[in-house]
Amino acid sequence: MSRQNPVIVIIDDENDILSMLEKYLTREGGYSVKTFNNPVSALSSLPKDTDLVLLDIMMPQMNGLDVLPKLLEKNKNLKVLMMTAYSTLDKVLNAHRKGANDYIMKPFSSLSALGKKIDEMLKA
C-alpha cells in the first residue's frame, strides 16, 4: 500500500461492534477508521480514499448484500470484507458474486485473526 495509513470504513448497525473494531484497528493496525451505523449514510458519505470496507450483511435499514454493489459503483477497486453472524452458503456465494473479496463470521474468533485478514487483503 502506497499510503501510510490505509483508510478502513466499517458499516454495521451494532454500535458495540463499531466501537470495538475502530479502537482495535486504529491502535493495533495504525489504520485510519471511519464508522457508520447506517448503510444509507455510509453510501452518501463514503470517503473517496477508502481502501477497505468491513460490511455487515444483516442490518435493518438496508441489507449488506444490497449495499455491496452500490459501494463498488462508487469505487470499483474497493476491497470489501463481509461480516455476518448468520452465514449460509447461499449468502457467501451471493456476496462473492456481487464483488466481496472475503467474509468473516461474527462473533470474531479473535481480533488478531481479523487484523491479519485485513492486512492480507490490503497487501493483495
C-alpha atoms as a PDB file:
ATOM      1  CA  MET A   1       0.000   0.000   0.000  1.00  0.00           C
ATOM      2  CA  SER A   2       1.478   3.312  -1.008  1.00  0.00           C
ATOM      3  CA  ARG A   3      -0.303   5.375   1.626  1.00  0.00           C
ATOM      4  CA  GLN A   4       0.987   5.486   5.199  1.00  0.00           C
ATOM      5  CA  ASN A   5      -2.367   4.807   6.877  1.00  0.00           C
ATOM      6  CA  PRO A   6      -4.889   2.895   4.776  1.00  0.00           C
ATOM      7  CA  VAL A   7      -8.491   4.014   5.248  1.00  0.00           C
ATOM      8  CA  ILE A   8     -10.975   1.437   6.514  1.00  0.00           C
ATOM      9  CA  VAL A   9     -14.723   2.057   6.646  1.00  0.00           C
ATOM     10  CA  ILE A  10     -16.864  -0.099   8.927  1.00  0.00           C
ATOM     11  CA  ILE A  11     -20.609  -0.369   8.268  1.00  0.00           C
ATOM     12  CA  ASP A  12     -22.550  -2.192  10.976  1.00  0.00           C
ATOM     13  CA  ASP A  13     -25.768  -1.424  12.842  1.00  0.00           C
ATOM     14  CA  GLU A  14     -24.250  -2.587  16.161  1.00  0.00           C
ATOM     15  CA  ASN A  15     -22.520   0.329  17.881  1.00  0.00           C
ATOM     16  CA  ASP A  16     -20.550  -2.015  20.182  1.00  0.00           C
ATOM     17  CA  ILE A  17     -19.013  -3.723  17.145  1.00  0.00           C
ATOM     18  CA  LEU A  18     -18.196  -0.363  15.543  1.00  0.00           C
ATOM     19  CA  SER A  19     -16.502   0.904  18.686  1.00  0.00           C
ATOM     20  CA  MET A  20     -14.524  -2.287  19.315  1.00  0.00           C
ATOM     21  CA  LEU A  21     -13.294  -2.550  15.727  1.00  0.00           C
ATOM     22  CA  GLU A  22     -12.453   1.143  15.469  1.00  0.00           C
ATOM     23  CA  LYS A  23     -10.356   1.039  18.650  1.00  0.00           C
ATOM     24  CA  TYR A  24      -8.576  -2.166  17.653  1.00  0.00           C
ATOM     25  CA  LEU A  25      -7.839  -1.209  14.046  1.00  0.00           C
ATOM     26  CA  THR A  26      -6.675   2.282  14.978  1.00  0.00           C
ATOM     27  CA  ARG A  27      -4.495   1.164  17.888  1.00  0.00           C
ATOM     28  CA  GLU A  28      -3.122  -2.153  16.634  1.00  0.00           C
ATOM     29  CA  GLY A  29      -3.236  -1.680  12.877  1.00  0.00           C
ATOM     30  CA  GLY A  30      -2.483   2.023  12.625  1.00  0.00           C
ATOM     31  CA  TYR A  31      -5.377   2.391  10.214  1.00  0.00           C
ATOM     32  CA  SER A  32      -7.497   5.463   9.678  1.00  0.00           C
ATOM     33  CA  VAL A  33     -11.018   4.253  10.510  1.00  0.00           C
ATOM     34  CA  LYS A  34     -14.440   5.739   9.768  1.00  0.00           C
ATOM     35  CA  THR A  35     -17.588   4.073  11.099  1.00  0.00           C
ATOM     36  CA  PHE A  36     -21.236   4.147  10.055  1.00  0.00           C
ATOM     37  CA  ASN A  37     -24.156   2.530  11.875  1.00  0.00           C
ATOM     38  CA  ASN A  38     -26.442   3.228   8.924  1.00  0.00           C
ATOM     39  CA  PRO A  39     -25.622   1.919   5.429  1.00  0.00           C
ATOM     40  CA  VAL A  40     -27.594   4.700   3.728  1.00  0.00           C
ATOM     41  CA  SER A  41     -25.385   7.317   5.433  1.00  0.00           C
ATOM     42  CA  ALA A  42     -22.296   5.309   4.526  1.00  0.00           C
ATOM     43  CA  LEU A  43     -23.240   5.287   0.846  1.00  0.00           C
ATOM     44  CA  SER A  44     -23.745   9.049   0.791  1.00  0.00           C
ATOM     45  CA  SER A  45     -20.609   9.847   2.837  1.00  0.00           C
ATOM     46  CA  LEU A  46     -18.083   7.179   1.795  1.00  0.00           C
ATOM     47  CA  PRO A  47     -14.619   8.770   1.868  1.00  0.00           C
ATOM     48  CA  LYS A  48     -13.094   8.819  -1.638  1.00  0.00           C
ATOM     49  CA  ASP A  49      -9.795   7.435  -0.319  1.00  0.00           C
ATOM     50  CA  THR A  50     -11.357   4.320   1.272  1.00  0.00           C
ATOM     51  CA  ASP A  51      -9.204   1.216   0.788  1.00  0.00           C
ATOM     52  CA  LEU A  52     -11.321  -1.416   2.545  1.00  0.00           C
ATOM     53  CA  VAL A  53     -14.886  -1.717   3.815  1.00  0.00           C
ATOM     54  CA  LEU A  54     -15.982  -4.074   6.586  1.00  0.00           C
ATOM     55  CA  LEU A  55     -19.660  -4.583   5.775  1.00  0.00           C
ATOM     56  CA  ASP A  56     -22.248  -6.338   7.920  1.00  0.00           C
ATOM     57  CA  ILE A  57     -24.766  -8.401   5.962  1.00  0.00           C
ATOM     58  CA  MET A  58     -27.783  -8.182   8.294  1.00  0.00           C
ATOM     59  CA  MET A  59     -28.831  -4.586   9.013  1.00  0.00           C
ATOM     60  CA  PRO A  60     -32.348  -3.204   9.475  1.00  0.00           C
ATOM     61  CA  GLN A  61     -32.033  -0.162   7.189  1.00  0.00           C
ATOM     62  CA  MET A  62     -30.547  -1.989   4.195  1.00  0.00           C
ATOM     63  CA  ASN A  63     -29.134  -5.470   3.644  1.00  0.00           C
ATOM     64  CA  GLY A  64     -25.343  -5.569   3.211  1.00  0.00           C
ATOM     65  CA  LEU A  65     -25.763  -7.627   0.034  1.00  0.00           C
ATOM     66  CA  ASP A  66     -27.742  -4.703  -1.425  1.00  0.00           C
ATOM     67  CA  VAL A  67     -25.180  -2.157  -0.208  1.00  0.00           C
ATOM     68  CA  LEU A  68     -22.228  -4.045  -1.727  1.00  0.00           C
ATOM     69  CA  PRO A  69     -22.861  -3.299  -5.440  1.00  0.00           C
ATOM     70  CA  LYS A  70     -23.602   0.343  -4.616  1.00  0.00           C
ATOM     71  CA  LEU A  71     -20.238   0.644  -2.847  1.00  0.00           C
ATOM     72  CA  LEU A  72     -18.466  -0.911  -5.821  1.00  0.00           C
ATOM     73  CA  GLU A  73     -20.225   1.526  -8.189  1.00  0.00           C
ATOM     74  CA  LYS A  74     -18.575   4.344  -6.230  1.00  0.00           C
ATOM     75  CA  ASN A  75     -15.143   2.678  -6.294  1.00  0.00           C
ATOM     76  CA  LYS A  76     -14.588  -0.433  -8.421  1.00  0.00           C
ATOM     77  CA  ASN A  77     -11.188  -1.061  -6.779  1.00  0.00           C
ATOM     78  CA  LEU A  78     -12.626  -1.115  -3.273  1.00  0.00           C
ATOM     79  CA  LYS A  79     -11.920  -4.224  -1.210  1.00  0.00           C
ATOM     80  CA  VAL A  80     -14.875  -5.488   0.812  1.00  0.00           C
ATOM     81  CA  LEU A  81     -14.861  -7.893   3.745  1.00  0.00           C
ATOM     82  CA  MET A  82     -18.378  -9.054   4.598  1.00  0.00           C
ATOM     83  CA  MET A  83     -19.233  -9.738   8.260  1.00  0.00           C
ATOM     84  CA  THR A  84     -22.098 -11.929   9.401  1.00  0.00           C
ATOM     85  CA  ALA A  85     -23.381 -13.894  12.340  1.00  0.00           C
ATOM     86  CA  TYR A  86     -25.871 -15.662  10.061  1.00  0.00           C
ATOM     87  CA  SER A  87     -23.809 -17.317   7.376  1.00  0.00           C
ATOM     88  CA  THR A  88     -25.264 -19.685   4.853  1.00  0.00           C
ATOM     89  CA  LEU A  89     -23.523 -20.981   1.765  1.00  0.00           C
ATOM     90  CA  ASP A  90     -26.052 -19.074  -0.339  1.00  0.00           C
ATOM     91  CA  LYS A  91     -25.187 -15.751   1.342  1.00  0.00           C
ATOM     92  CA  VAL A  92     -21.450 -16.345   0.992  1.00  0.00           C
ATOM     93  CA  LEU A  93     -21.754 -17.242  -2.699  1.00  0.00           C
ATOM     94  CA  ASN A  94     -24.056 -14.285  -3.305  1.00  0.00           C
ATOM     95  CA  ALA A  95     -21.578 -11.927  -1.627  1.00  0.00           C
ATOM     96  CA  HIS A  96     -18.733 -13.230  -3.810  1.00  0.00           C
ATOM     97  CA  ARG A  97     -20.863 -12.930  -6.959  1.00  0.00           C
ATOM     98  CA  LYS A  98     -21.625  -9.319  -6.062  1.00  0.00           C
ATOM     99  CA  GLY A  99     -17.935  -8.494  -5.619  1.00  0.00           C
ATOM    100  CA  ALA A 100     -16.995  -9.146  -1.980  1.00  0.00           C
ATOM    101  CA  ASN A 101     -13.386 -10.192  -1.529  1.00  0.00           C
ATOM    102  CA  ASP A 102     -13.949 -12.324   1.566  1.00  0.00           C
ATOM    103  CA  TYR A 103     -16.166 -12.773   4.604  1.00  0.00           C
ATOM    104  CA  ILE A 104     -15.712 -13.354   8.320  1.00  0.00           C
ATOM    105  CA  MET A 105     -18.061 -14.774  10.938  1.00  0.00           C
ATOM    106  CA  LYS A 106     -19.256 -12.813  13.966  1.00  0.00           C
ATOM    107  CA  PRO A 107     -18.537 -13.096  16.773  1.00  0.00           C
ATOM    108  CA  PHE A 108     -14.909 -12.910  15.733  1.00  0.00           C
ATOM    109  CA  SER A 109     -12.714 -15.803  16.871  1.00  0.00           C
ATOM    110  CA  SER A 110     -10.051 -13.208  17.660  1.00  0.00           C
ATOM    111  CA  LEU A 111      -9.371  -9.619  16.739  1.00  0.00           C
ATOM    112  CA  SER A 112      -5.803 -10.515  15.788  1.00  0.00           C
ATOM    113  CA  ALA A 113      -7.123 -13.033  13.220  1.00  0.00           C
ATOM    114  CA  LEU A 114      -9.357 -10.303  11.798  1.00  0.00           C
ATOM    115  CA  GLY A 115      -6.400  -7.907  11.744  1.00  0.00           C
ATOM    116  CA  LYS A 116      -4.288 -10.460   9.872  1.00  0.00           C
ATOM    117  CA  LYS A 117      -7.057 -10.982   7.287  1.00  0.00           C
ATOM    118  CA  ILE A 118      -7.333  -7.202   6.798  1.00  0.00           C
ATOM    119  CA  ASP A 119      -3.548  -6.838   6.420  1.00  0.00           C
ATOM    120  CA  GLU A 120      -3.529  -9.591   3.781  1.00  0.00           C
ATOM    121  CA  MET A 121      -6.415  -8.027   1.868  1.00  0.00           C
ATOM    122  CA  LEU A 122      -4.755  -4.629   1.798  1.00  0.00           C
ATOM    123  CA  LYS A 123      -1.466  -6.110   0.527  1.00  0.00           C
ATOM    124  CA  ALA A 124      -3.163  -8.038  -2.290  1.00  0.00           C
END
